[in-house]
């Protein structure tokens, strides 16, 4: 059995258990939150690894571009944390899109600088 088939069977088995037990809606919420936490933990671990591997290059960026890099990451985290409350209104959705757009523009500036120094 291939790894992909095994993984798919595990997901189907978890879904069947959640469907079969009483009060499945609350159970599915718990499983969804656990999976969400695992995904975020994976993102953090990938970020730590990328930072450790590229620490020297990050130091070469200079103070201003390092500030842009860390600021854009922080802005993305804040925007994603505030997303549920912001996208309920048209103005909030617009502000949320502007925040993410600003973070992407900052990351683009850092990427261009990184290409110059690397």
Protein backbone atom coordinates (compact mmCIF):
# COMPACT_ATOMS: atom_id res chain seq x y z
CA UNK A 1 0.00 0.00 0.00
CA UNK A 2 1.42 3.38 -0.94
CA UNK A 3 1.87 6.17 1.55
CA UNK A 4 -0.78 8.33 -0.15
CA UNK A 5 -3.42 5.60 -0.03
CA UNK A 6 -2.63 4.93 3.64
CA UNK A 7 -2.97 8.63 4.45
CA UNK A 8 -6.30 8.84 2.61
CA UNK A 9 -7.59 5.79 4.50
CA UNK A 10 -6.61 7.36 7.82
CA UNK A 11 -8.53 10.54 6.94
CA UNK A 12 -11.58 8.52 5.88
CA UNK A 13 -11.41 6.52 9.13
CA UNK A 14 -11.27 9.71 11.23
CA UNK A 15 -14.22 11.13 9.28
CA UNK A 16 -16.22 7.92 9.82
CA UNK A 17 -15.56 8.00 13.57
CA UNK A 18 -16.62 11.63 13.81
CA UNK A 19 -19.76 10.91 11.77
CA UNK A 20 -20.71 7.83 13.81
CA UNK A 21 -20.42 9.16 17.36
CA UNK A 22 -23.21 11.14 19.02
CA UNK A 23 -22.90 14.91 19.01
CA UNK A 24 -20.71 14.65 15.95
CA UNK A 25 -20.86 18.37 15.28
CA UNK A 26 -18.92 19.20 18.44
CA UNK A 27 -16.55 16.34 17.77
CA UNK A 28 -15.96 17.52 14.24
CA UNK A 29 -15.22 21.01 15.57
CA UNK A 30 -12.65 19.52 17.95
CA UNK A 31 -11.03 17.48 15.18
CA UNK A 32 -11.00 20.54 12.91
CA UNK A 33 -9.35 22.65 15.60
CA UNK A 34 -6.77 19.93 16.27
CA UNK A 35 -5.94 19.70 12.57
CA UNK A 36 -5.75 23.48 12.36
CA UNK A 37 -3.30 23.53 15.26
CA UNK A 38 -1.18 20.88 13.55
CA UNK A 39 -1.12 22.90 10.33
CA UNK A 40 -0.06 26.07 12.16
CA UNK A 41 2.62 24.13 14.06
CA UNK A 42 3.90 22.82 10.73
CA UNK A 43 4.09 26.37 9.36
CA UNK A 44 6.03 27.49 12.42
CA UNK A 45 8.48 24.60 12.14
CA UNK A 46 9.01 25.30 8.44
CA UNK A 47 9.61 28.97 9.28
CA UNK A 48 12.16 28.03 11.95
CA UNK A 49 13.99 25.77 9.53
CA UNK A 50 14.03 28.39 6.78
CA UNK A 51 15.32 30.96 9.28
CA UNK A 52 18.09 28.68 10.51
CA UNK A 53 19.20 27.81 6.99
CA UNK A 54 19.11 31.42 5.76
CA UNK A 55 20.19 33.31 8.86
CA UNK A 56 23.41 34.50 7.23
CA UNK A 57 21.58 35.84 4.20
CA UNK A 58 19.02 37.54 6.42
CA UNK A 59 21.85 39.33 8.22
CA UNK A 60 23.17 40.57 4.85
CA UNK A 61 19.88 42.32 4.09
CA UNK A 62 20.63 45.22 6.40
CA UNK A 63 18.60 46.65 9.23
CA UNK A 64 15.90 48.33 7.13
CA UNK A 65 15.09 45.28 5.05
CA UNK A 66 15.22 42.97 8.07
CA UNK A 67 12.69 45.28 9.71
CA UNK A 68 10.53 45.03 6.59
CA UNK A 69 10.81 41.23 6.64
CA UNK A 70 9.88 40.82 10.29
CA UNK A 71 7.22 43.53 10.07
CA UNK A 72 5.56 41.88 7.08
CA UNK A 73 5.48 38.52 8.85
CA UNK A 74 3.96 40.17 11.92
CA UNK A 75 1.43 42.02 9.76
CA UNK A 76 0.36 38.76 8.12
CA UNK A 77 -0.07 37.10 11.52
CA UNK A 78 -2.14 40.01 12.84
CA UNK A 79 -4.27 40.17 9.68
CA UNK A 80 -4.97 36.44 9.80
CA UNK A 81 -5.84 36.60 13.50
CA UNK A 82 -8.22 39.51 12.91
CA UNK A 83 -9.76 38.05 9.74
CA UNK A 84 -12.92 36.56 11.29
CA UNK A 85 -13.90 39.90 12.79
CA UNK A 86 -12.86 42.02 9.83
CA UNK A 87 -14.45 40.26 6.88
CA UNK A 88 -17.97 40.67 8.27
CA UNK A 89 -18.31 44.14 6.75
CA UNK A 90 -17.31 45.65 3.44
CA UNK A 91 -14.98 48.20 5.01
CA UNK A 92 -13.37 45.57 7.21
CA UNK A 93 -12.80 43.33 4.22
CA UNK A 94 -11.19 46.21 2.35
CA UNK A 95 -8.88 47.01 5.29
CA UNK A 96 -7.96 43.33 5.59
CA UNK A 97 -7.08 43.16 1.87
CA UNK A 98 -5.02 46.36 2.18
CA UNK A 99 -3.13 44.89 5.16
CA UNK A 100 -2.27 41.74 3.25
CA UNK A 101 -1.36 43.76 0.17
CA UNK A 102 1.00 45.91 2.24
CA UNK A 103 2.62 42.78 3.68
CA UNK A 104 3.08 41.30 0.21
CA UNK A 105 4.61 44.57 -1.05
CA UNK A 106 7.02 44.56 1.89
CA UNK A 107 8.00 40.95 1.20
CA UNK A 108 8.54 41.80 -2.45
CA UNK A 109 10.92 44.62 -1.50
CA UNK A 110 12.82 42.26 0.79
CA UNK A 111 12.99 39.63 -1.95
CA UNK A 112 14.43 42.13 -4.42
CA UNK A 113 17.06 43.20 -1.90
CA UNK A 114 17.87 39.54 -1.16
CA UNK A 115 18.47 38.92 -4.88
CA UNK A 116 20.92 41.83 -4.92
CA UNK A 117 23.00 40.61 -1.98
CA UNK A 118 22.81 36.85 -2.58
